[in-house]
Amino acid sequence: MPVVEESLLIRAPQQPLFDLAQDYRLRLKWDPFLRDMRFLDGAREVAALVLAIAGIGGDLLAESLYIGWLPADYDRIAPLARLLTGAWGNTLYTLSGVLLTLDSRWLRGPARACAWLIWAAGLALGGFCLAGDVTGMAASTALLFLLFCPWVAWVGFLDRRRVA
C-alpha cells in the first residue's frame, strides 16, 4: 500500500490545533487525505473495552466499600456492594464478552457455544443480583466460573493454533 505524506508548519497554539485535529467531523472538511472516517466493524472492540473498564469501576467501588465499612456496617453496605459488583460490574463484563464474541468469527463450534453459555450465566448473575436472589447468585456464579476458567485456556489454545 502506498504511503502519502505531506508536512506543513503551522504557527499556532498547540491545544486549539489538537482540538481541531480530533474533531473528525471538521477534519473531513480540511484534511485532503480523508474522504471518510469510521471505526472498523462499528468499533465493537472499543465499546467492549469501555464496558470492561466501567465494570472494573463498579468492582473497585464495591471492594472499597467492603474494605472501608466492614464488618461494622455490613447490613447497610452489602446490598449496595452486591449491586455494584454483581449487577453493574459483572453485567458490563458480560456485555463486553458478548461484543468480543460477535467479532470473533473464527471462534466456532463447541467453543462458541460455550461462550454463549458463559454470557448467559453472566447475565443471569446480574439479574439475580438485582433481584437479591442469593441462591440464583450462587448457582450462576458457580456455573460462570466452572465454564469461564477452562474456556479461557481453551480459546487461548485455539487462537494460538489459528495464528500459527
N, C-alpha and C. Protein backbone atom coordinates (compact mmCIF):
# COMPACT_ATOMS: atom_id res chain seq x y z
N MET A 1 0.84 -1.17 0.00
CA MET A 1 0.00 0.00 0.00
C MET A 1 0.89 1.24 0.00
N PRO A 2 0.66 2.16 -0.91
CA PRO A 2 1.49 3.35 -0.98
C PRO A 2 1.25 4.26 0.22
N VAL A 3 2.29 4.99 0.58
CA VAL A 3 2.21 5.93 1.69
C VAL A 3 2.18 7.33 1.11
N VAL A 4 1.24 8.12 1.58
CA VAL A 4 1.12 9.51 1.16
C VAL A 4 1.47 10.38 2.34
N GLU A 5 2.42 11.28 2.14
CA GLU A 5 2.84 12.16 3.23
C GLU A 5 2.84 13.60 2.76
N GLU A 6 2.63 14.47 3.72
CA GLU A 6 2.78 15.89 3.47
C GLU A 6 3.05 16.54 4.81
N SER A 7 3.89 17.53 4.85
CA SER A 7 4.14 18.23 6.11
C SER A 7 3.91 19.71 5.91
N LEU A 8 3.55 20.35 7.00
CA LEU A 8 3.22 21.76 6.97
C LEU A 8 3.50 22.32 8.35
N LEU A 9 4.21 23.41 8.43
CA LEU A 9 4.49 24.06 9.71
C LEU A 9 3.39 25.08 9.97
N ILE A 10 2.69 24.90 11.07
CA ILE A 10 1.61 25.81 11.44
C ILE A 10 2.01 26.49 12.73
N ARG A 11 2.06 27.79 12.70
CA ARG A 11 2.41 28.56 13.90
C ARG A 11 1.12 28.98 14.59
N ALA A 12 0.77 28.17 15.60
CA ALA A 12 -0.46 28.43 16.36
C ALA A 12 -0.34 27.70 17.69
N PRO A 13 -1.15 28.08 18.66
CA PRO A 13 -1.13 27.36 19.95
C PRO A 13 -1.48 25.88 19.75
N GLN A 14 -0.81 25.02 20.51
CA GLN A 14 -0.98 23.58 20.33
C GLN A 14 -2.39 23.09 20.63
N GLN A 15 -2.99 23.54 21.72
CA GLN A 15 -4.28 22.99 22.14
C GLN A 15 -5.39 23.20 21.10
N PRO A 16 -5.57 24.41 20.54
CA PRO A 16 -6.61 24.55 19.51
C PRO A 16 -6.35 23.68 18.28
N LEU A 17 -5.07 23.51 17.91
CA LEU A 17 -4.76 22.64 16.77
C LEU A 17 -5.07 21.18 17.07
N PHE A 18 -4.72 20.76 18.27
CA PHE A 18 -5.03 19.39 18.68
C PHE A 18 -6.55 19.17 18.66
N ASP A 19 -7.29 20.12 19.23
CA ASP A 19 -8.76 20.00 19.25
C ASP A 19 -9.32 19.91 17.84
N LEU A 20 -8.78 20.73 16.92
CA LEU A 20 -9.24 20.71 15.54
C LEU A 20 -8.94 19.36 14.89
N ALA A 21 -7.75 18.82 15.15
CA ALA A 21 -7.38 17.54 14.56
C ALA A 21 -8.23 16.39 15.10
N GLN A 22 -8.74 16.52 16.33
CA GLN A 22 -9.52 15.44 16.95
C GLN A 22 -11.02 15.55 16.67
N ASP A 23 -11.46 16.65 16.12
CA ASP A 23 -12.88 16.81 15.75
C ASP A 23 -13.04 16.24 14.34
N TYR A 24 -13.42 14.98 14.27
CA TYR A 24 -13.41 14.28 13.00
C TYR A 24 -14.41 14.83 11.99
N ARG A 25 -15.49 15.40 12.47
CA ARG A 25 -16.46 16.00 11.55
C ARG A 25 -15.82 17.18 10.83
N LEU A 26 -15.10 18.04 11.59
CA LEU A 26 -14.39 19.15 10.97
C LEU A 26 -13.19 18.68 10.15
N ARG A 27 -12.54 17.63 10.64
CA ARG A 27 -11.35 17.15 9.95
C ARG A 27 -11.67 16.68 8.53
N LEU A 28 -12.84 16.14 8.33
CA LEU A 28 -13.24 15.71 6.99
C LEU A 28 -13.29 16.90 6.03
N LYS A 29 -13.52 18.09 6.56
CA LYS A 29 -13.60 19.29 5.71
C LYS A 29 -12.23 19.82 5.32
N TRP A 30 -11.24 19.73 6.23
CA TRP A 30 -9.95 20.36 5.95
C TRP A 30 -8.84 19.41 5.57
N ASP A 31 -8.95 18.12 5.89
CA ASP A 31 -7.87 17.17 5.63
C ASP A 31 -8.02 16.61 4.21
N PRO A 32 -7.08 16.92 3.31
CA PRO A 32 -7.23 16.49 1.91
C PRO A 32 -7.09 14.98 1.71
N PHE A 33 -6.57 14.27 2.73
CA PHE A 33 -6.36 12.83 2.57
C PHE A 33 -7.52 11.99 3.08
N LEU A 34 -8.51 12.62 3.67
CA LEU A 34 -9.64 11.88 4.23
C LEU A 34 -10.90 12.13 3.43
N ARG A 35 -11.57 11.04 3.09
CA ARG A 35 -12.88 11.14 2.48
C ARG A 35 -13.95 10.61 3.43
N ASP A 36 -13.53 9.68 4.30
CA ASP A 36 -14.47 9.04 5.23
C ASP A 36 -13.68 8.55 6.43
N MET A 37 -14.29 8.64 7.61
CA MET A 37 -13.65 8.14 8.82
C MET A 37 -14.67 7.35 9.62
N ARG A 38 -14.30 6.13 9.94
CA ARG A 38 -15.15 5.32 10.81
C ARG A 38 -14.30 4.21 11.40
N PHE A 39 -14.75 3.68 12.54
CA PHE A 39 -14.07 2.55 13.13
C PHE A 39 -14.43 1.29 12.35
N LEU A 40 -13.48 0.41 12.20
CA LEU A 40 -13.74 -0.86 11.54
C LEU A 40 -14.73 -1.68 12.36
N ASP A 41 -15.63 -2.35 11.70
CA ASP A 41 -16.63 -3.22 12.34
C ASP A 41 -17.44 -2.48 13.40
N GLY A 42 -17.66 -1.20 13.25
CA GLY A 42 -18.50 -0.47 14.18
C GLY A 42 -17.88 -0.25 15.54
N ALA A 43 -16.58 -0.42 15.66
CA ALA A 43 -15.85 -0.14 16.91
C ALA A 43 -16.28 -1.04 18.07
N ARG A 44 -16.61 -2.28 17.79
CA ARG A 44 -17.01 -3.19 18.87
C ARG A 44 -15.90 -3.39 19.89
N GLU A 45 -14.66 -3.45 19.41
CA GLU A 45 -13.55 -3.64 20.34
C GLU A 45 -13.44 -2.48 21.31
N VAL A 46 -13.61 -1.27 20.80
CA VAL A 46 -13.55 -0.08 21.66
C VAL A 46 -14.71 -0.10 22.65
N ALA A 47 -15.89 -0.43 22.17
CA ALA A 47 -17.06 -0.49 23.06
C ALA A 47 -16.85 -1.56 24.13
N ALA A 48 -16.29 -2.71 23.75
CA ALA A 48 -16.03 -3.77 24.72
C ALA A 48 -15.04 -3.30 25.79
N LEU A 49 -14.02 -2.58 25.37
CA LEU A 49 -13.04 -2.06 26.33
C LEU A 49 -13.69 -1.06 27.28
N VAL A 50 -14.49 -0.17 26.75
CA VAL A 50 -15.17 0.84 27.60
C VAL A 50 -16.09 0.15 28.60
N LEU A 51 -16.84 -0.86 28.16
CA LEU A 51 -17.72 -1.60 29.08
C LEU A 51 -16.91 -2.30 30.17
N ALA A 52 -15.81 -2.93 29.79
CA ALA A 52 -14.99 -3.63 30.78
C ALA A 52 -14.39 -2.65 31.80
N ILE A 53 -13.93 -1.50 31.33
CA ILE A 53 -13.38 -0.50 32.25
C ILE A 53 -14.45 0.01 33.20
N ALA A 54 -15.65 0.24 32.68
CA ALA A 54 -16.75 0.68 33.54
C ALA A 54 -17.09 -0.41 34.56
N GLY A 55 -17.03 -1.67 34.15
CA GLY A 55 -17.27 -2.77 35.07
C GLY A 55 -16.24 -2.82 36.18
N ILE A 56 -14.98 -2.57 35.82
CA ILE A 56 -13.93 -2.53 36.83
C ILE A 56 -14.21 -1.42 37.84
N GLY A 57 -14.73 -0.29 37.36
CA GLY A 57 -15.08 0.80 38.27
C GLY A 57 -16.09 0.38 39.31
N GLY A 58 -17.12 -0.36 38.89
CA GLY A 58 -18.11 -0.86 39.84
C GLY A 58 -17.50 -1.84 40.83
N ASP A 59 -16.66 -2.73 40.33
CA ASP A 59 -15.99 -3.70 41.21
C ASP A 59 -15.09 -3.00 42.23
N LEU A 60 -14.30 -2.05 41.77
CA LEU A 60 -13.39 -1.35 42.68
C LEU A 60 -14.14 -0.56 43.74
N LEU A 61 -15.23 0.07 43.34
CA LEU A 61 -16.03 0.80 44.32
C LEU A 61 -16.63 -0.15 45.35
N ALA A 62 -17.14 -1.28 44.89
CA ALA A 62 -17.71 -2.27 45.81
C ALA A 62 -16.65 -2.78 46.78
N GLU A 63 -15.48 -3.11 46.27
CA GLU A 63 -14.41 -3.61 47.14
C GLU A 63 -13.98 -2.53 48.14
N SER A 64 -13.95 -1.28 47.69
CA SER A 64 -13.61 -0.18 48.60
C SER A 64 -14.63 -0.05 49.72
N LEU A 65 -15.89 -0.23 49.38
CA LEU A 65 -16.94 -0.18 50.41
C LEU A 65 -16.73 -1.31 51.42
N TYR A 66 -16.45 -2.50 50.92
CA TYR A 66 -16.21 -3.63 51.82
C TYR A 66 -15.01 -3.36 52.73
N ILE A 67 -13.93 -2.89 52.14
CA ILE A 67 -12.72 -2.64 52.93
C ILE A 67 -12.95 -1.53 53.95
N GLY A 68 -13.65 -0.49 53.56
CA GLY A 68 -13.81 0.67 54.43
C GLY A 68 -14.86 0.53 55.52
N TRP A 69 -15.91 -0.27 55.27
CA TRP A 69 -17.02 -0.27 56.22
C TRP A 69 -17.35 -1.63 56.82
N LEU A 70 -16.67 -2.67 56.42
CA LEU A 70 -16.97 -3.98 57.02
C LEU A 70 -16.03 -4.25 58.17
N PRO A 71 -16.41 -4.98 59.13
CA PRO A 71 -17.68 -5.68 59.30
C PRO A 71 -18.75 -4.84 59.99
N ALA A 72 -18.39 -3.66 60.48
CA ALA A 72 -19.33 -2.89 61.31
C ALA A 72 -20.65 -2.57 60.62
N ASP A 73 -20.62 -2.16 59.35
CA ASP A 73 -21.84 -1.74 58.65
C ASP A 73 -22.25 -2.71 57.56
N TYR A 74 -22.05 -3.99 57.76
CA TYR A 74 -22.32 -4.98 56.72
C TYR A 74 -23.75 -4.89 56.20
N ASP A 75 -24.73 -4.82 57.08
CA ASP A 75 -26.13 -4.82 56.65
C ASP A 75 -26.46 -3.62 55.77
N ARG A 76 -25.78 -2.53 56.00
CA ARG A 76 -26.04 -1.31 55.23
C ARG A 76 -25.26 -1.30 53.91
N ILE A 77 -24.03 -1.82 53.91
CA ILE A 77 -23.14 -1.73 52.76
C ILE A 77 -23.29 -2.89 51.79
N ALA A 78 -23.54 -4.08 52.29
CA ALA A 78 -23.55 -5.28 51.45
C ALA A 78 -24.53 -5.19 50.27
N PRO A 79 -25.77 -4.71 50.45
CA PRO A 79 -26.67 -4.65 49.28
C PRO A 79 -26.15 -3.73 48.16
N LEU A 80 -25.59 -2.60 48.54
CA LEU A 80 -25.03 -1.69 47.53
C LEU A 80 -23.82 -2.32 46.86
N ALA A 81 -22.93 -2.91 47.65
CA ALA A 81 -21.74 -3.54 47.09
C ALA A 81 -22.12 -4.69 46.17
N ARG A 82 -23.13 -5.46 46.55
CA ARG A 82 -23.60 -6.57 45.71
C ARG A 82 -24.09 -6.04 44.36
N LEU A 83 -24.82 -4.93 44.37
CA LEU A 83 -25.30 -4.36 43.12
C LEU A 83 -24.14 -3.83 42.27
N LEU A 84 -23.18 -3.21 42.91
CA LEU A 84 -22.05 -2.65 42.17
C LEU A 84 -21.19 -3.72 41.52
N THR A 85 -20.92 -4.79 42.26
CA THR A 85 -20.03 -5.82 41.72
C THR A 85 -20.80 -6.85 40.89
N GLY A 86 -21.96 -7.28 41.37
CA GLY A 86 -22.69 -8.34 40.67
C GLY A 86 -23.53 -7.83 39.53
N ALA A 87 -24.36 -6.82 39.80
CA ALA A 87 -25.26 -6.33 38.75
C ALA A 87 -24.52 -5.39 37.80
N TRP A 88 -23.77 -4.46 38.33
CA TRP A 88 -23.07 -3.48 37.49
C TRP A 88 -21.83 -4.10 36.84
N GLY A 89 -20.85 -4.47 37.65
CA GLY A 89 -19.58 -4.94 37.12
C GLY A 89 -19.72 -6.18 36.27
N ASN A 90 -20.36 -7.20 36.80
CA ASN A 90 -20.45 -8.46 36.07
C ASN A 90 -21.28 -8.33 34.79
N THR A 91 -22.35 -7.57 34.83
CA THR A 91 -23.16 -7.40 33.62
C THR A 91 -22.36 -6.67 32.54
N LEU A 92 -21.59 -5.67 32.93
CA LEU A 92 -20.78 -4.96 31.93
C LEU A 92 -19.67 -5.84 31.38
N TYR A 93 -19.04 -6.66 32.23
CA TYR A 93 -18.04 -7.62 31.73
C TYR A 93 -18.69 -8.57 30.73
N THR A 94 -19.88 -9.02 31.06
CA THR A 94 -20.59 -9.96 30.19
C THR A 94 -20.91 -9.32 28.84
N LEU A 95 -21.41 -8.09 28.86
CA LEU A 95 -21.71 -7.40 27.60
C LEU A 95 -20.44 -7.19 26.77
N SER A 96 -19.34 -6.92 27.45
CA SER A 96 -18.05 -6.80 26.76
C SER A 96 -17.70 -8.13 26.08
N GLY A 97 -17.87 -9.23 26.80
CA GLY A 97 -17.62 -10.55 26.23
C GLY A 97 -18.51 -10.86 25.04
N VAL A 98 -19.77 -10.45 25.14
CA VAL A 98 -20.71 -10.65 24.02
C VAL A 98 -20.21 -9.92 22.78
N LEU A 99 -19.80 -8.66 22.93
CA LEU A 99 -19.30 -7.90 21.78
C LEU A 99 -18.06 -8.55 21.17
N LEU A 100 -17.15 -8.99 22.03
CA LEU A 100 -15.93 -9.63 21.51
C LEU A 100 -16.23 -10.97 20.84
N THR A 101 -17.20 -11.70 21.38
CA THR A 101 -17.60 -12.97 20.76
C THR A 101 -18.21 -12.72 19.38
N LEU A 102 -19.03 -11.68 19.27
CA LEU A 102 -19.62 -11.34 17.97
C LEU A 102 -18.54 -11.01 16.94
N ASP A 103 -17.44 -10.41 17.37
CA ASP A 103 -16.36 -10.06 16.46
C ASP A 103 -15.39 -11.22 16.21
N SER A 104 -15.45 -12.27 16.98
CA SER A 104 -14.52 -13.40 16.83
C SER A 104 -15.14 -14.46 15.94
N ARG A 105 -15.19 -14.15 14.65
CA ARG A 105 -15.82 -15.06 13.71
C ARG A 105 -15.08 -16.39 13.60
N TRP A 106 -13.80 -16.37 13.94
CA TRP A 106 -13.00 -17.60 13.90
C TRP A 106 -13.38 -18.56 15.02
N LEU A 107 -14.06 -18.07 16.06
CA LEU A 107 -14.47 -18.91 17.19
C LEU A 107 -15.75 -19.65 16.78
N ARG A 108 -15.62 -20.97 16.59
CA ARG A 108 -16.75 -21.74 16.06
C ARG A 108 -17.00 -22.98 16.90
N GLY A 109 -18.10 -23.63 16.60
CA GLY A 109 -18.41 -24.92 17.18
C GLY A 109 -18.60 -24.88 18.69
N PRO A 110 -18.08 -25.91 19.38
CA PRO A 110 -18.30 -26.01 20.83
C PRO A 110 -17.74 -24.82 21.61
N ALA A 111 -16.63 -24.25 21.16
CA ALA A 111 -16.05 -23.11 21.89
C ALA A 111 -16.97 -21.90 21.82
N ARG A 112 -17.60 -21.70 20.68
CA ARG A 112 -18.54 -20.57 20.53
C ARG A 112 -19.81 -20.84 21.34
N ALA A 113 -20.30 -22.06 21.29
CA ALA A 113 -21.49 -22.42 22.07
C ALA A 113 -21.22 -22.24 23.56
N CYS A 114 -20.05 -22.64 24.00
CA CYS A 114 -19.68 -22.47 25.40
C CYS A 114 -19.62 -20.98 25.77
N ALA A 115 -19.13 -20.16 24.84
CA ALA A 115 -19.09 -18.71 25.10
C ALA A 115 -20.49 -18.19 25.38
N TRP A 116 -21.47 -18.62 24.59
CA TRP A 116 -22.84 -18.12 24.79
C TRP A 116 -23.42 -18.64 26.11
N LEU A 117 -23.05 -19.84 26.52
CA LEU A 117 -23.48 -20.33 27.85
C LEU A 117 -22.87 -19.48 28.96
N ILE A 118 -21.61 -19.11 28.78
CA ILE A 118 -20.94 -18.26 29.77
C ILE A 118 -21.62 -16.91 29.86
N TRP A 119 -21.89 -16.30 28.72
CA TRP A 119 -22.51 -14.97 28.74
C TRP A 119 -23.93 -15.05 29.29
N ALA A 120 -24.63 -16.14 29.03
CA ALA A 120 -25.97 -16.31 29.61
C ALA A 120 -25.88 -16.41 31.13
N ALA A 121 -24.89 -17.15 31.62
CA ALA A 121 -24.69 -17.25 33.07
C ALA A 121 -24.33 -15.90 33.67
N GLY A 122 -23.52 -15.11 32.95
CA GLY A 122 -23.16 -13.78 33.43
C GLY A 122 -24.35 -12.85 33.50
N LEU A 123 -25.21 -12.89 32.49
CA LEU A 123 -26.42 -12.06 32.52
C LEU A 123 -27.38 -12.53 33.61
N ALA A 124 -27.45 -13.84 33.80
CA ALA A 124 -28.29 -14.38 34.87
C ALA A 124 -27.78 -13.90 36.23
N LEU A 125 -26.48 -13.91 36.41
CA LEU A 125 -25.91 -13.42 37.67
C LEU A 125 -26.29 -11.97 37.91
N GLY A 126 -26.20 -11.14 36.89
CA GLY A 126 -26.62 -9.75 37.03
C GLY A 126 -28.09 -9.63 37.42
N GLY A 127 -28.92 -10.42 36.79
CA GLY A 127 -30.35 -10.40 37.12
C GLY A 127 -30.63 -10.88 38.54
N PHE A 128 -29.97 -11.94 38.95
CA PHE A 128 -30.15 -12.44 40.32
C PHE A 128 -29.66 -11.43 41.35
N CYS A 129 -28.59 -10.71 41.02
CA CYS A 129 -28.10 -9.66 41.94
C CYS A 129 -29.12 -8.54 42.07
N LEU A 130 -29.70 -8.15 40.96
CA LEU A 130 -30.74 -7.11 41.01
C LEU A 130 -31.94 -7.56 41.83
N ALA A 131 -32.29 -8.83 41.68
CA ALA A 131 -33.45 -9.37 42.40
C ALA A 131 -33.14 -9.70 43.85
N GLY A 132 -31.85 -9.75 44.20
CA GLY A 132 -31.47 -10.12 45.56
C GLY A 132 -31.64 -11.60 45.84
N ASP A 133 -31.64 -12.42 44.80
CA ASP A 133 -31.81 -13.87 44.92
C ASP A 133 -30.45 -14.52 45.18
N VAL A 134 -30.17 -14.82 46.44
CA VAL A 134 -28.86 -15.34 46.83
C VAL A 134 -28.60 -16.72 46.23
N THR A 135 -29.62 -17.57 46.20
CA THR A 135 -29.45 -18.91 45.61
C THR A 135 -29.12 -18.80 44.12
N GLY A 136 -29.84 -17.93 43.42
CA GLY A 136 -29.56 -17.70 41.99
C GLY A 136 -28.17 -17.14 41.76
N MET A 137 -27.76 -16.21 42.65
CA MET A 137 -26.41 -15.65 42.53
C MET A 137 -25.36 -16.75 42.69
N ALA A 138 -25.54 -17.60 43.68
CA ALA A 138 -24.57 -18.66 43.93
C ALA A 138 -24.52 -19.65 42.76
N ALA A 139 -25.69 -20.04 42.26
CA ALA A 139 -25.73 -21.02 41.16
C ALA A 139 -25.14 -20.43 39.88
N SER A 140 -25.51 -19.20 39.55
CA SER A 140 -24.99 -18.61 38.31
C SER A 140 -23.50 -18.31 38.42
N THR A 141 -23.03 -17.92 39.60
CA THR A 141 -21.59 -17.70 39.80
C THR A 141 -20.83 -19.01 39.64
N ALA A 142 -21.36 -20.08 40.23
CA ALA A 142 -20.70 -21.39 40.11
C ALA A 142 -20.61 -21.81 38.65
N LEU A 143 -21.72 -21.69 37.91
CA LEU A 143 -21.73 -22.06 36.50
C LEU A 143 -20.77 -21.17 35.71
N LEU A 144 -20.80 -19.89 35.99
CA LEU A 144 -19.93 -18.94 35.30
C LEU A 144 -18.46 -19.31 35.46
N PHE A 145 -18.03 -19.56 36.68
CA PHE A 145 -16.62 -19.86 36.91
C PHE A 145 -16.24 -21.26 36.44
N LEU A 146 -17.16 -22.23 36.57
CA LEU A 146 -16.86 -23.58 36.07
C LEU A 146 -16.65 -23.58 34.56
N LEU A 147 -17.41 -22.75 33.85
CA LEU A 147 -17.26 -22.69 32.40
C LEU A 147 -16.16 -21.73 31.97
N PHE A 148 -16.10 -20.55 32.59
CA PHE A 148 -15.23 -19.49 32.10
C PHE A 148 -13.74 -19.80 32.24
N CYS A 149 -13.34 -20.29 33.39
CA CYS A 149 -11.90 -20.51 33.62
C CYS A 149 -11.28 -21.48 32.62
N PRO A 150 -11.85 -22.68 32.41
CA PRO A 150 -11.25 -23.55 31.39
C PRO A 150 -11.45 -23.03 29.97
N TRP A 151 -12.56 -22.31 29.74
CA TRP A 151 -12.84 -21.78 28.41
C TRP A 151 -11.75 -20.79 27.99
N VAL A 152 -11.28 -19.97 28.91
CA VAL A 152 -10.23 -19.01 28.59
C VAL A 152 -8.98 -19.74 28.09
N ALA A 153 -8.59 -20.79 28.78
CA ALA A 153 -7.42 -21.57 28.35
C ALA A 153 -7.69 -22.23 27.00
N TRP A 154 -8.88 -22.77 26.83
CA TRP A 154 -9.26 -23.43 25.58
C TRP A 154 -9.20 -22.46 24.41
N VAL A 155 -9.80 -21.29 24.57
CA VAL A 155 -9.82 -20.30 23.49
C VAL A 155 -8.40 -19.77 23.23
N GLY A 156 -7.61 -19.61 24.28
CA GLY A 156 -6.22 -19.22 24.07
C GLY A 156 -5.47 -20.24 23.24
N PHE A 157 -5.70 -21.51 23.51
CA PHE A 157 -5.08 -22.59 22.73
C PHE A 157 -5.56 -22.54 21.28
N LEU A 158 -6.87 -22.38 21.08
CA LEU A 158 -7.42 -22.31 19.72
C LEU A 158 -6.87 -21.10 18.96
N ASP A 159 -6.76 -19.97 19.64
CA ASP A 159 -6.25 -18.77 19.00
C ASP A 159 -4.79 -18.93 18.62
N ARG A 160 -4.00 -19.55 19.48
CA ARG A 160 -2.59 -19.77 19.19
C ARG A 160 -2.45 -20.68 17.97
N ARG A 161 -3.28 -21.70 17.88
CA ARG A 161 -3.24 -22.59 16.71
C ARG A 161 -3.67 -21.85 15.44
N ARG A 162 -4.65 -20.95 15.60
CA ARG A 162 -5.17 -20.21 14.45
C ARG A 162 -4.11 -19.27 13.88
N VAL A 163 -3.35 -18.63 14.75
CA VAL A 163 -2.34 -17.67 14.34
C VAL A 163 -1.10 -18.35 13.80
N ALA A 164 -0.75 -19.51 14.35
CA ALA A 164 0.49 -20.21 13.94
C ALA A 164 0.42 -20.76 12.54
